[in-house]
Amino acid sequence: SISETGLLHPLLVTFREGKPVLISGERRLRAAKIAGLREIPCLEREADSQEAALLALIENLQREDMNCFEEAEGYRRLIAVYGLTQEEAATRLGLAQPTIANKLRLLRLPEGMRRRILDGGLTERHARALLRLEEDGLRELALSRILEGRLTCAQTDRLVDELLAGKIRRRRALPLVRDVRLFFNTVTHAVDTMRRSGIKACAEKSETDEYIEYVVRIPKTEAVAPVKG
């Protein structure tokens, strides 16, 4: 469209040592170059390096193709790096302060959960519903059910309500044993028990760069007890 209608929104530049320095509009500049334009409209603004960086960040936050978590992270960076309050950030961005606050709340979700939400095609409203659950275990349970059942936002809200009311019971988690030596000891004990019972069982353990292999051999003639008539 730039090649046909030109650049509708001018770039923002400042001058340093007599040369123009781009403040905002990098994506539009690249698109104009691809379209083959030789000249594009610009607005001049006096700004030091810090203010120029701030303006560039603000413009980046106003893109339409950012997901909700990218927006939230951008708001957090804007506030932290430039020492702004939520009210000041909202004024700079032309937003209401509660909008900034609600976006920042999304960052309470762990990074892994955010990725699953995006990969699963869920919306910001799904994420907000999960925030109502304070326990990580309940959040994980809810997210798994949302993804498996492809729940709508309304269905997700009802699921969260039921979890908060205790109407849905969580399955008791089995303890996870990290040390595989416990399993090896169990297998060794089982083989010893078979040997003491007269079964000629044997076990061999070998290791490679990728695996630990444990093979137990039991003679078929001794594996099945004879059926007595």
Protein backbone atom coordinates (compact mmCIF):
# COMPACT_ATOMS: atom_id res chain seq x y z
CA SER A 1 0.00 0.00 0.00
CA ILE A 2 2.93 2.38 0.61
CA SER A 3 3.98 2.16 -3.03
CA GLU A 4 0.49 3.28 -4.11
CA THR A 5 -0.55 5.78 -1.44
CA GLY A 6 2.77 6.81 0.06
CA LEU A 7 3.59 7.01 3.76
CA LEU A 8 0.50 8.22 5.61
CA HIS A 9 2.23 8.74 8.98
CA PRO A 10 5.53 10.67 9.01
CA LEU A 11 8.61 9.43 10.82
CA LEU A 12 9.89 11.20 13.92
CA VAL A 13 13.50 12.37 13.79
CA THR A 14 15.93 14.53 15.69
CA PHE A 15 19.20 16.09 14.49
CA ARG A 16 22.60 15.43 15.99
CA GLU A 17 25.69 17.09 14.54
CA GLY A 18 23.60 18.16 11.58
CA LYS A 19 22.47 14.63 10.69
CA PRO A 20 18.95 13.21 11.13
CA VAL A 21 18.56 10.44 13.71
CA LEU A 22 15.45 8.29 13.64
CA ILE A 23 13.41 8.38 16.84
CA SER A 24 10.41 6.31 15.80
CA GLY A 25 9.10 4.70 12.65
CA GLU A 26 11.75 2.06 11.94
CA ARG A 27 9.20 -0.44 10.55
CA ARG A 28 7.67 2.23 8.29
CA LEU A 29 11.14 3.27 7.11
CA ARG A 30 12.02 -0.30 6.16
CA ALA A 31 8.70 -0.73 4.37
CA ALA A 32 9.25 2.53 2.44
CA LYS A 33 12.67 1.31 1.30
CA ILE A 34 11.18 -1.97 0.11
CA ALA A 35 8.51 0.03 -1.76
CA GLY A 36 11.28 1.96 -3.50
CA LEU A 37 10.49 5.43 -2.12
CA ARG A 38 13.33 7.96 -2.34
CA GLU A 39 11.76 10.54 0.00
CA ILE A 40 9.42 10.20 2.97
CA PRO A 41 7.80 12.79 5.26
CA CYS A 42 9.39 13.38 8.67
CA LEU A 43 8.66 15.45 11.75
CA GLU A 44 11.54 16.96 13.68
CA ARG A 45 11.59 16.83 17.47
CA GLU A 46 14.28 17.89 19.89
CA ALA A 47 15.16 14.93 22.08
CA ASP A 48 18.24 13.65 23.87
CA SER A 49 19.25 10.00 23.58
CA GLN A 50 17.19 8.92 26.61
CA GLU A 51 14.03 10.64 25.46
CA ALA A 52 14.52 9.29 21.95
CA ALA A 53 14.78 5.76 23.32
CA LEU A 54 11.66 6.37 25.41
CA LEU A 55 9.70 7.57 22.39
CA ALA A 56 10.84 4.57 20.35
CA LEU A 57 9.70 2.20 23.10
CA ILE A 58 6.33 3.93 23.36
CA GLU A 59 5.78 3.62 19.62
CA ASN A 60 6.72 -0.05 19.74
CA LEU A 61 4.12 -0.61 22.47
CA GLN A 62 1.44 0.88 20.24
CA ARG A 63 1.87 -1.79 17.57
CA GLU A 64 -1.20 -3.85 16.80
CA ASP A 65 0.54 -7.21 16.38
CA MET A 66 1.81 -7.60 19.95
CA ASN A 67 0.33 -10.30 22.18
CA CYS A 68 -0.90 -9.41 25.64
CA PHE A 69 2.22 -10.67 27.41
CA GLU A 70 4.53 -8.68 25.12
CA GLU A 71 2.49 -5.59 25.90
CA ALA A 72 2.68 -6.26 29.63
CA GLU A 73 6.45 -6.80 29.48
CA GLY A 74 6.81 -3.57 27.51
CA TYR A 75 4.83 -1.62 30.10
CA ARG A 76 6.95 -3.13 32.89
CA ARG A 77 10.15 -2.14 31.07
CA LEU A 78 8.84 1.37 30.38
CA ILE A 79 8.07 1.90 34.06
CA ALA A 80 11.27 0.30 35.38
CA VAL A 81 13.83 1.75 32.97
CA TYR A 82 12.51 5.30 32.88
CA GLY A 83 11.27 5.52 36.45
CA LEU A 84 7.66 6.25 35.52
CA THR A 85 4.59 5.64 37.61
CA GLN A 86 1.68 3.70 36.17
CA GLU A 87 -0.20 6.97 35.79
CA GLU A 88 2.69 8.58 33.90
CA ALA A 89 3.07 5.55 31.63
CA ALA A 90 -0.66 5.57 30.94
CA THR A 91 -0.54 9.27 30.02
CA ARG A 92 2.39 8.73 27.65
CA LEU A 93 0.59 5.88 25.93
CA GLY A 94 -2.83 7.48 25.89
CA LEU A 95 -4.33 4.74 28.07
CA ALA A 96 -6.17 4.58 31.38
CA GLN A 97 -4.13 3.67 34.46
CA PRO A 98 -6.31 0.57 35.24
CA THR A 99 -5.47 -0.72 31.75
CA ILE A 100 -1.76 -0.62 32.57
CA ALA A 101 -2.36 -2.24 35.97
CA ASN A 102 -4.42 -5.07 34.48
CA LYS A 103 -1.79 -5.76 31.83
CA LEU A 104 0.99 -5.89 34.43
CA ARG A 105 -0.98 -8.47 36.42
CA LEU A 106 -0.57 -10.89 33.52
CA LEU A 107 3.13 -11.13 34.35
CA ARG A 108 2.23 -12.99 37.54
CA LEU A 109 1.72 -16.06 35.38
CA PRO A 110 4.92 -18.13 35.00
CA GLU A 111 6.75 -17.94 31.69
CA GLY A 112 5.97 -21.57 30.84
CA MET A 113 2.27 -21.03 31.41
CA ARG A 114 2.29 -17.91 29.25
CA ARG A 115 3.87 -19.88 26.42
CA ARG A 116 1.24 -22.63 26.70
CA ILE A 117 -1.52 -20.02 26.61
CA LEU A 118 -0.14 -18.49 23.41
CA ASP A 119 0.64 -21.82 21.75
CA GLY A 120 -2.86 -23.03 22.59
CA GLY A 121 -4.45 -20.03 20.89
CA LEU A 122 -6.03 -18.77 24.13
CA THR A 123 -6.96 -15.14 24.72
CA GLU A 124 -6.11 -12.53 27.30
CA ARG A 125 -9.45 -13.22 28.96
CA HIS A 126 -8.43 -16.85 29.49
CA ALA A 127 -5.23 -15.61 31.14
CA ARG A 128 -7.15 -13.22 33.38
CA ALA A 129 -9.42 -16.06 34.51
CA LEU A 130 -6.37 -18.12 35.52
CA LEU A 131 -5.10 -15.21 37.61
CA ARG A 132 -8.12 -15.64 39.89
CA LEU A 133 -6.55 -18.91 41.07
CA GLU A 134 -3.80 -18.23 43.59
CA GLU A 135 -2.46 -21.79 43.85
CA ASP A 136 -0.07 -22.91 41.13
CA GLY A 137 -1.53 -26.42 41.24
CA LEU A 138 -5.04 -25.16 40.57
CA ARG A 139 -3.80 -22.96 37.73
CA GLU A 140 -2.05 -25.90 36.10
CA LEU A 141 -5.15 -28.06 36.49
CA ALA A 142 -7.37 -25.34 35.02
CA LEU A 143 -5.04 -24.65 32.09
CA SER A 144 -4.80 -28.34 31.22
CA ARG A 145 -8.59 -28.66 31.18
CA ILE A 146 -8.97 -25.49 29.14
CA LEU A 147 -6.54 -26.73 26.51
CA GLU A 148 -7.84 -30.29 26.43
CA GLY A 149 -11.47 -29.21 26.24
CA ARG A 150 -10.86 -26.16 24.04
CA LEU A 151 -12.98 -24.18 26.49
CA THR A 152 -14.42 -20.80 25.57
CA CYS A 153 -13.91 -17.78 27.80
CA ALA A 154 -17.33 -18.26 29.39
CA GLN A 155 -16.64 -21.96 30.03
CA THR A 156 -13.26 -21.05 31.50
CA ASP A 157 -14.88 -18.59 33.91
CA ARG A 158 -17.29 -21.32 35.07
CA LEU A 159 -14.42 -23.79 35.51
CA VAL A 160 -12.50 -21.29 37.66
CA ASP A 161 -15.64 -20.61 39.72
CA GLU A 162 -16.02 -24.34 40.39
CA LEU A 163 -12.36 -24.69 41.35
CA LEU A 164 -12.61 -21.76 43.75
CA ALA A 165 -15.77 -23.27 45.27
CA GLY A 166 -14.04 -26.62 45.73
CA LYS A 167 -16.50 -28.43 43.47
CA ILE A 168 -13.69 -30.01 41.46
CA ARG A 169 -11.29 -32.27 43.30
CA ARG A 170 -7.71 -32.51 42.27
CA ARG A 171 -6.19 -35.90 41.69
CA ARG A 172 -3.70 -36.82 44.32
CA ALA A 173 -0.27 -36.40 42.81
CA LEU A 174 2.07 -39.40 42.97
CA PRO A 175 5.44 -38.67 44.52
CA LEU A 176 8.15 -38.28 41.91
CA VAL A 177 11.34 -40.16 42.65
CA ARG A 178 14.33 -38.46 41.04
CA ASP A 179 17.02 -40.92 42.10
CA VAL A 180 16.87 -43.94 39.75
CA ARG A 181 19.04 -45.93 42.14
CA LEU A 182 15.90 -46.57 44.16
CA PHE A 183 14.37 -48.32 41.15
CA PHE A 184 17.54 -50.32 40.56
CA ASN A 185 17.50 -51.46 44.19
CA THR A 186 13.87 -52.55 43.79
CA VAL A 187 14.67 -54.58 40.66
CA THR A 188 17.73 -56.15 42.33
CA HIS A 189 15.67 -57.10 45.38
CA ALA A 190 12.99 -58.68 43.15
CA VAL A 191 15.60 -60.73 41.26
CA ASP A 192 17.18 -61.91 44.55
CA THR A 193 13.76 -62.95 45.82
CA MET A 194 13.14 -65.02 42.67
CA ARG A 195 16.52 -66.71 43.03
CA ARG A 196 15.82 -67.64 46.65
CA SER A 197 12.55 -69.13 45.45
CA GLY A 198 14.38 -71.36 42.99
CA ILE A 199 13.78 -69.32 39.85
CA LYS A 200 17.00 -68.92 37.87
CA ALA A 201 16.58 -65.23 37.12
CA CYS A 202 19.47 -62.97 36.22
CA ALA A 203 19.91 -59.24 35.75
CA GLU A 204 22.42 -57.24 33.73
CA LYS A 205 23.02 -53.49 33.79
CA SER A 206 24.89 -51.56 31.10
CA GLU A 207 25.42 -47.88 30.35
CA THR A 208 25.92 -45.81 27.21
CA ASP A 209 26.35 -42.09 26.70
CA GLU A 210 22.57 -41.74 26.47
CA TYR A 211 20.98 -44.57 28.45
CA ILE A 212 21.25 -46.86 31.44
CA GLU A 213 19.89 -50.26 30.42
CA TYR A 214 18.71 -52.88 32.91
CA VAL A 215 17.79 -56.33 31.51
CA VAL A 216 16.13 -59.05 33.60
CA ARG A 217 15.99 -62.60 32.14
CA ILE A 218 13.65 -65.26 33.49
CA PRO A 219 13.53 -68.77 31.94
CA LYS A 220 10.10 -69.39 30.41
CA THR A 221 10.00 -72.87 31.90
CA GLU A 222 10.11 -71.33 35.35
CA ALA A 223 8.08 -68.20 34.66
CA VAL A 224 4.70 -69.96 34.65
CA ALA A 225 3.72 -72.37 37.38
CA PRO A 226 2.39 -75.72 36.06
CA VAL A 227 -1.34 -76.14 36.25
CA LYS A 228 -2.26 -78.98 38.59
CA GLY A 229 -5.09 -81.19 37.54
